[in-house]
Each structure stands twice: as structure tokens, then as C-alpha cells.
Amino acid sequence: MVEITLQPVQIGTQSEDTEGRLAFADGKLVAVLVRLSAELHGANGLAGQWCVEAGFGACATDVLSVWFDSLEAARGWIAEQLSMSR
């Protein structure tokens, strides 16, 4: 089973979306997650959601195309992506 860890980090996005997590699978960086701010995303209902800012390998995706209600949901998506790539 893959160990997925999420390390808190501030991201220099040049916007209000600065709260982030570095997602590691067995010690390898697989994604950078960012939490969408109320200032920028409140009107479209995405405030507070987590999204993939950058993904690598099996977690590669278009920027802001995958959203999660929680970090646990993001962790589950990462695990699923990794299991499908094996």
C-alpha cells in the first residue's frame, strides 16, 4: 500500500490562493494542492475546495480541473490515480 503524506506549504500563486499541500507518495512528490480562496472563488461556489495546482506522473492533470471537498478526498484521488498507473 502506498503511503500518501500531505505537507503544508504556502504557495506563491500571486493571488489569494496561497494555502497549499505538497502531496508525496512513498516519499516522491506527486502533486501540489491549493485551497481555493473565498475572495477569488466564492462567487462560483468553489471557495474552500482543494484542487491540483500541479500533478506529476499518474497525477498529472490540467490546472484547476480536479477539485476536492477535503484533503481526505484528495488523498483518495491520489491513491486511485497511482493504483490505475500500475
C-alpha atoms as a PDB file:
ATOM      1  CA  MET A   1       0.000   0.000   0.000  1.00  0.00           C
ATOM      2  CA  VAL A   2       1.282   3.463  -0.926  1.00  0.00           C
ATOM      3  CA  GLU A   3       1.820   5.924   1.924  1.00  0.00           C
ATOM      4  CA  ILE A   4       0.433   9.337   0.968  1.00  0.00           C
ATOM      5  CA  THR A   5       1.536  12.302   3.048  1.00  0.00           C
ATOM      6  CA  LEU A   6       0.448  15.930   2.740  1.00  0.00           C
ATOM      7  CA  GLN A   7       2.903  18.599   3.842  1.00  0.00           C
ATOM      8  CA  PRO A   8       1.564  22.129   4.486  1.00  0.00           C
ATOM      9  CA  VAL A   9       3.161  24.836   2.352  1.00  0.00           C
ATOM     10  CA  GLN A  10       2.472  28.411   1.296  1.00  0.00           C
ATOM     11  CA  ILE A  11       2.343  28.798  -2.489  1.00  0.00           C
ATOM     12  CA  GLY A  12       3.417  31.947  -4.348  1.00  0.00           C
ATOM     13  CA  THR A  13       0.492  31.999  -6.769  1.00  0.00           C
ATOM     14  CA  GLN A  14       0.337  35.817  -6.977  1.00  0.00           C
ATOM     15  CA  SER A  15      -3.305  35.545  -5.907  1.00  0.00           C
ATOM     16  CA  GLU A  16      -5.291  34.876  -2.729  1.00  0.00           C
ATOM     17  CA  ASP A  17      -4.938  31.096  -3.284  1.00  0.00           C
ATOM     18  CA  THR A  18      -1.810  30.541  -1.173  1.00  0.00           C
ATOM     19  CA  GLU A  19      -2.648  27.704   1.248  1.00  0.00           C
ATOM     20  CA  GLY A  20      -1.233  24.514  -0.161  1.00  0.00           C
ATOM     21  CA  ARG A  21      -0.064  20.977   0.413  1.00  0.00           C
ATOM     22  CA  LEU A  22       2.770  19.037  -1.169  1.00  0.00           C
ATOM     23  CA  ALA A  23       1.472  15.522  -1.792  1.00  0.00           C
ATOM     24  CA  PHE A  24       4.017  12.728  -1.508  1.00  0.00           C
ATOM     25  CA  ALA A  25       3.517   9.047  -2.338  1.00  0.00           C
ATOM     26  CA  ASP A  26       6.155   6.899  -0.656  1.00  0.00           C
ATOM     27  CA  GLY A  27       8.360   9.987  -0.365  1.00  0.00           C
ATOM     28  CA  LYS A  28       8.023  11.082  -4.015  1.00  0.00           C
ATOM     29  CA  LEU A  29       6.295  14.361  -4.901  1.00  0.00           C
ATOM     30  CA  VAL A  30       3.195  13.556  -6.961  1.00  0.00           C
ATOM     31  CA  ALA A  31       1.088  16.728  -6.675  1.00  0.00           C
ATOM     32  CA  VAL A  32       0.821  20.273  -5.396  1.00  0.00           C
ATOM     33  CA  LEU A  33      -2.624  21.027  -3.969  1.00  0.00           C
ATOM     34  CA  VAL A  34      -4.001  24.518  -3.392  1.00  0.00           C
ATOM     35  CA  ARG A  35      -7.035  25.616  -1.397  1.00  0.00           C
ATOM     36  CA  LEU A  36      -9.303  27.959  -3.329  1.00  0.00           C
ATOM     37  CA  SER A  37      -9.931  31.260  -1.534  1.00  0.00           C
ATOM     38  CA  ALA A  38     -13.289  32.868  -0.879  1.00  0.00           C
ATOM     39  CA  GLU A  39     -12.021  36.130  -2.394  1.00  0.00           C
ATOM     40  CA  LEU A  40     -11.449  34.578  -5.820  1.00  0.00           C
ATOM     41  CA  HIS A  41     -13.802  31.614  -5.855  1.00  0.00           C
ATOM     42  CA  GLY A  42     -16.720  32.496  -3.571  1.00  0.00           C
ATOM     43  CA  ALA A  43     -18.968  33.559  -6.461  1.00  0.00           C
ATOM     44  CA  ASN A  44     -18.572  30.249  -8.317  1.00  0.00           C
ATOM     45  CA  GLY A  45     -19.084  28.098  -5.208  1.00  0.00           C
ATOM     46  CA  LEU A  46     -15.560  26.666  -5.150  1.00  0.00           C
ATOM     47  CA  ALA A  47     -14.276  28.552  -2.088  1.00  0.00           C
ATOM     48  CA  GLY A  48     -12.600  26.185   0.351  1.00  0.00           C
ATOM     49  CA  GLN A  49     -12.216  23.425  -2.234  1.00  0.00           C
ATOM     50  CA  TRP A  50      -8.803  21.854  -2.808  1.00  0.00           C
ATOM     51  CA  CYS A  51      -7.514  21.442  -6.335  1.00  0.00           C
ATOM     52  CA  VAL A  52      -4.482  20.078  -8.131  1.00  0.00           C
ATOM     53  CA  GLU A  53      -2.270  23.061  -8.982  1.00  0.00           C
ATOM     54  CA  ALA A  54       0.376  20.753 -10.436  1.00  0.00           C
ATOM     55  CA  GLY A  55       0.494  16.996 -10.779  1.00  0.00           C
ATOM     56  CA  PHE A  56       3.310  14.663 -11.740  1.00  0.00           C
ATOM     57  CA  GLY A  57       3.297  11.220 -13.308  1.00  0.00           C
ATOM     58  CA  ALA A  58      -0.010   9.454 -12.647  1.00  0.00           C
ATOM     59  CA  CYS A  59      -1.365  12.629 -11.000  1.00  0.00           C
ATOM     60  CA  ALA A  60      -0.665  14.923 -13.970  1.00  0.00           C
ATOM     61  CA  THR A  61      -3.775  16.916 -14.925  1.00  0.00           C
ATOM     62  CA  ASP A  62      -4.842  20.292 -16.266  1.00  0.00           C
ATOM     63  CA  VAL A  63      -4.508  23.118 -13.744  1.00  0.00           C
ATOM     64  CA  LEU A  64      -7.674  23.647 -11.669  1.00  0.00           C
ATOM     65  CA  SER A  65      -9.505  20.800 -13.415  1.00  0.00           C
ATOM     66  CA  VAL A  66      -9.806  18.461 -10.399  1.00  0.00           C
ATOM     67  CA  TRP A  67     -11.471  19.671  -7.155  1.00  0.00           C
ATOM     68  CA  PHE A  68     -11.915  18.046  -3.743  1.00  0.00           C
ATOM     69  CA  ASP A  69     -14.135  18.879  -0.764  1.00  0.00           C
ATOM     70  CA  SER A  70     -11.440  17.748   1.662  1.00  0.00           C
ATOM     71  CA  LEU A  71      -7.831  16.698   1.926  1.00  0.00           C
ATOM     72  CA  GLU A  72      -9.002  13.132   2.579  1.00  0.00           C
ATOM     73  CA  ALA A  73     -10.833  13.187  -0.754  1.00  0.00           C
ATOM     74  CA  ALA A  74      -7.650  14.451  -2.422  1.00  0.00           C
ATOM     75  CA  ARG A  75      -5.659  11.680  -0.741  1.00  0.00           C
ATOM     76  CA  GLY A  76      -8.165   9.121  -2.068  1.00  0.00           C
ATOM     77  CA  TRP A  77      -7.927  10.511  -5.609  1.00  0.00           C
ATOM     78  CA  ILE A  78      -4.130  10.357  -5.487  1.00  0.00           C
ATOM     79  CA  ALA A  79      -4.229   6.747  -4.307  1.00  0.00           C
ATOM     80  CA  GLU A  80      -6.677   5.874  -7.093  1.00  0.00           C
ATOM     81  CA  GLN A  81      -4.548   7.581  -9.765  1.00  0.00           C
ATOM     82  CA  LEU A  82      -1.459   5.735  -8.576  1.00  0.00           C
ATOM     83  CA  SER A  83      -3.226   2.358  -8.472  1.00  0.00           C
ATOM     84  CA  MET A  84      -4.504   2.794 -12.043  1.00  0.00           C
ATOM     85  CA  SER A  85      -0.988   3.532 -13.327  1.00  0.00           C
ATOM     86  CA  ARG A  86       0.479   0.238 -12.086  1.00  0.00           C
END
